Amino acid sequence: MARRLLPLFGDNNPIIISKSKGKYLKHLVKVAKLEKKGKYPYKFKAVENVDENFSDHLSGEKNGSFFSTKCVNVRLDEKNYLIRKQQVLFTICGHSLEHFLDSSTFPPSKFIVVIESGKSVPNEAYTLFAKQDCALASWILSTVSLDIVTQLVGAKTSASIWSTLTQLFLYLSTTKVMHLHCKLRSLRKGTLFMQDYLSKIKEVCDTLVACHSPISTIEHIATILNCLPRDYNSFVVVITSRHE
């Protein structure tokens, strides 16, 4: 059995993980402290194989230096968030780091117990986790526009940064959708050529689709007809009569 032990990720209970013959083993029910006269501060009982996800979790910690060098030329802002968010997520998932964005994921314990001496020593897994989280947090901040970064002051982890961004852009997206709907209703053909007029309406409709708030084909057609000048009344009557 290995001398240095690793605690189970996301587990606040005093369960300890060791590595033996290439397999991770979990020492269960290490909960009863012995008296001061005892040699070890904890009691160890049954051993069993750890979930395979544990070793995957450890392997995901090793991508820090490589991942932190990845660059995104276009910065996230309120105009491109929905599109660029997908690119950022693909990059993070491609490096098996998505668990860092989950606020329910707990880091490893800062210290681990050495069986032979019963002493607590710094946990290398925690150090690795903290370094990777810092690298990912720095990279996420580098993908965000300066105006947005100023609203992330105080966020100390990748998860807190991502959560703040999600909430912020959710509010901005809702506001933007309302603005687009108002813009759609206020559009008028005026002196525009028909092609330019239709292009303007389509541009707004396409933006609504990007905001996950698409309008139906009927609404699209109705908007076009409602915003035409009186000179087109006969044309509007013919079109609406056909749909009836």
Foldseek 3Di string as FASTA:
>chain_A
DDQDWFPFWLDPDQWIWDDDPNFIKIFPDQHDADPPVDQARTDTDDIDGDDPVRVVVLQLLPCQVVLLPDADPAADDLQCPLPVVVVLVCSCVVSVNVVQQDPSIHATDQWDAGVVRNDTDGDPSNVSNLSRFVSLLVRNLNRHDPVVSVVQPPQDTNNSSNVVVVVVSVVSLVVVLVVLVVVLQPQACPPPDPVVSLVVLVVSQVSCVSSVRHDDPVVSVVSSLVRYDPVCVVVSVVVVVVVD
